[in-house]
Amino acid sequence: MCSWSAVGECAIVRVAGAIDVAALPTFAGELRHVITTKLPRLVVDLRRVTRMEAAALDIFADAHELAVENGGWLRTSGAAQWLADLIRATRTDRPLDHYATLADALPSYRPSIISPR
């Protein structure tokens, strides 16, 4: 369901398939593991997710809080419109920092601003 790798000072957690009720505990445990034992700054890549339960939004929010407690943050990327639709449908008020692409979510991949001479 998910794997992780490091890019600079960030961890990328790649998720594939369905994040359904059966997968939620494993998914939450994997995020906790990466945050507390690897890197507390992570991007969850959702490009290959086929379906996600609304309860996963709470897992993201809890993981973000844990990341902040450990000096980091959590961002998601690649979910396109379905994530915005899910957030709107659940009327959640817990923030989720989402980026359109993985490159946008990774600070080290953002293009630098070049000042004119």
Protein backbone atom coordinates (compact mmCIF):
# COMPACT_ATOMS: atom_id res chain seq x y z
CA MET A 1 0.00 0.00 0.00
CA CYS A 2 2.75 2.51 0.80
CA SER A 3 6.49 2.96 0.71
CA TRP A 4 8.75 5.82 1.66
CA SER A 5 12.01 7.37 0.49
CA ALA A 6 14.03 10.44 1.42
CA VAL A 7 14.57 13.46 -0.79
CA GLY A 8 16.88 15.90 0.94
CA GLU A 9 15.42 16.72 4.33
CA CYS A 10 11.97 15.35 3.44
CA ALA A 11 10.37 11.93 3.35
CA ILE A 12 8.05 11.00 0.52
CA VAL A 13 5.38 8.46 1.38
CA ARG A 14 3.98 6.98 -1.83
CA VAL A 15 0.52 5.46 -1.49
CA ALA A 16 -1.13 3.16 -4.04
CA GLY A 17 -4.54 1.55 -4.17
CA ALA A 18 -7.44 2.12 -1.82
CA ILE A 19 -7.16 3.78 1.58
CA ASP A 20 -10.21 1.97 2.91
CA VAL A 21 -11.39 1.01 6.40
CA ALA A 22 -9.24 -2.12 6.45
CA ALA A 23 -6.11 -0.18 5.44
CA LEU A 24 -6.55 2.82 7.77
CA PRO A 25 -4.72 1.39 10.83
CA THR A 26 -1.74 0.28 8.72
CA PHE A 27 -1.66 3.62 6.93
CA ALA A 28 -1.75 5.57 10.20
CA GLY A 29 1.00 3.37 11.64
CA GLU A 30 3.22 3.89 8.60
CA LEU A 31 2.87 7.67 8.81
CA ARG A 32 3.66 7.58 12.56
CA HIS A 33 6.70 5.37 11.89
CA VAL A 34 8.13 7.67 9.21
CA ILE A 35 7.53 10.81 11.31
CA THR A 36 9.01 9.47 14.54
CA THR A 37 11.89 7.32 13.25
CA LYS A 38 12.85 8.72 9.82
CA LEU A 39 12.01 12.34 8.96
CA PRO A 40 9.28 14.56 10.47
CA ARG A 41 8.89 16.56 7.23
CA LEU A 42 6.91 14.48 4.80
CA VAL A 43 4.90 14.61 1.62
CA VAL A 44 2.26 11.96 1.05
CA ASP A 45 2.05 11.29 -2.69
CA LEU A 46 -1.57 10.39 -3.54
CA ARG A 47 -1.26 10.07 -7.35
CA ARG A 48 -1.82 6.31 -7.31
CA VAL A 49 -4.66 6.26 -4.78
CA THR A 50 -7.80 4.76 -6.32
CA ARG A 51 -10.16 5.47 -3.42
CA MET A 52 -9.97 7.05 0.02
CA GLU A 53 -12.30 6.85 3.01
CA ALA A 54 -13.21 10.13 4.68
CA ALA A 55 -11.65 8.83 7.91
CA ALA A 56 -8.25 9.16 6.24
CA LEU A 57 -8.61 12.93 6.57
CA ASP A 58 -8.39 12.51 10.36
CA ILE A 59 -5.30 10.36 9.93
CA PHE A 60 -3.67 13.11 7.87
CA ALA A 61 -4.58 15.74 10.47
CA ASP A 62 -3.27 13.59 13.35
CA ALA A 63 -0.07 12.84 11.43
CA HIS A 64 0.40 16.54 10.72
CA GLU A 65 0.08 17.32 14.44
CA LEU A 66 2.63 14.60 15.25
CA ALA A 67 4.99 15.94 12.58
CA VAL A 68 4.74 19.47 14.01
CA GLU A 69 5.45 18.11 17.51
CA ASN A 70 8.61 16.55 16.06
CA GLY A 71 9.72 19.74 14.30
CA GLY A 72 8.26 18.99 10.88
CA TRP A 73 5.13 19.16 8.75
CA LEU A 74 2.93 17.01 6.52
CA ARG A 75 1.83 17.85 3.00
CA THR A 76 -0.09 15.87 0.42
CA SER A 77 0.29 15.97 -3.33
CA GLY A 78 -1.19 14.63 -6.52
CA ALA A 79 -4.79 13.97 -5.51
CA ALA A 80 -6.32 16.26 -8.12
CA GLN A 81 -9.97 17.21 -7.64
CA TRP A 82 -11.13 14.14 -5.72
CA LEU A 83 -9.43 15.25 -2.49
CA ALA A 84 -11.02 18.71 -2.61
CA ASP A 85 -14.38 17.04 -3.26
CA LEU A 86 -13.91 14.70 -0.28
CA ILE A 87 -12.96 17.57 2.03
CA ARG A 88 -15.97 19.58 0.88
CA ALA A 89 -18.31 16.58 1.25
CA THR A 90 -17.17 15.88 4.81
CA ARG A 91 -17.14 19.56 5.76
CA THR A 92 -13.96 18.97 7.73
CA ASP A 93 -12.41 21.96 9.42
CA ARG A 94 -9.03 20.30 9.96
CA PRO A 95 -6.53 21.85 7.55
CA LEU A 96 -4.70 19.81 4.95
CA ASP A 97 -1.74 21.31 3.11
CA HIS A 98 -2.18 19.96 -0.45
CA TYR A 99 -0.12 20.60 -3.58
CA ALA A 100 -0.96 19.70 -7.17
CA THR A 101 2.36 17.97 -7.80
CA LEU A 102 5.05 16.28 -5.78
CA ALA A 103 7.61 18.78 -7.06
CA ASP A 104 5.49 21.66 -5.76
CA ALA A 105 5.21 20.04 -2.32
CA LEU A 106 8.96 19.50 -1.89
CA PRO A 107 10.78 22.64 -0.75
CA SER A 108 14.03 21.53 -2.38
CA TYR A 109 12.31 21.22 -5.77
CA ARG A 110 10.83 24.70 -5.81
CA PRO A 111 12.54 26.93 -8.36
CA SER A 112 14.65 29.65 -6.86
CA ILE A 113 13.76 33.26 -7.45
CA ILE A 114 16.39 35.00 -9.52
CA SER A 115 16.62 38.70 -8.91
CA PRO A 116 17.25 40.94 -11.91
CA ARG A 117 20.63 42.61 -12.15
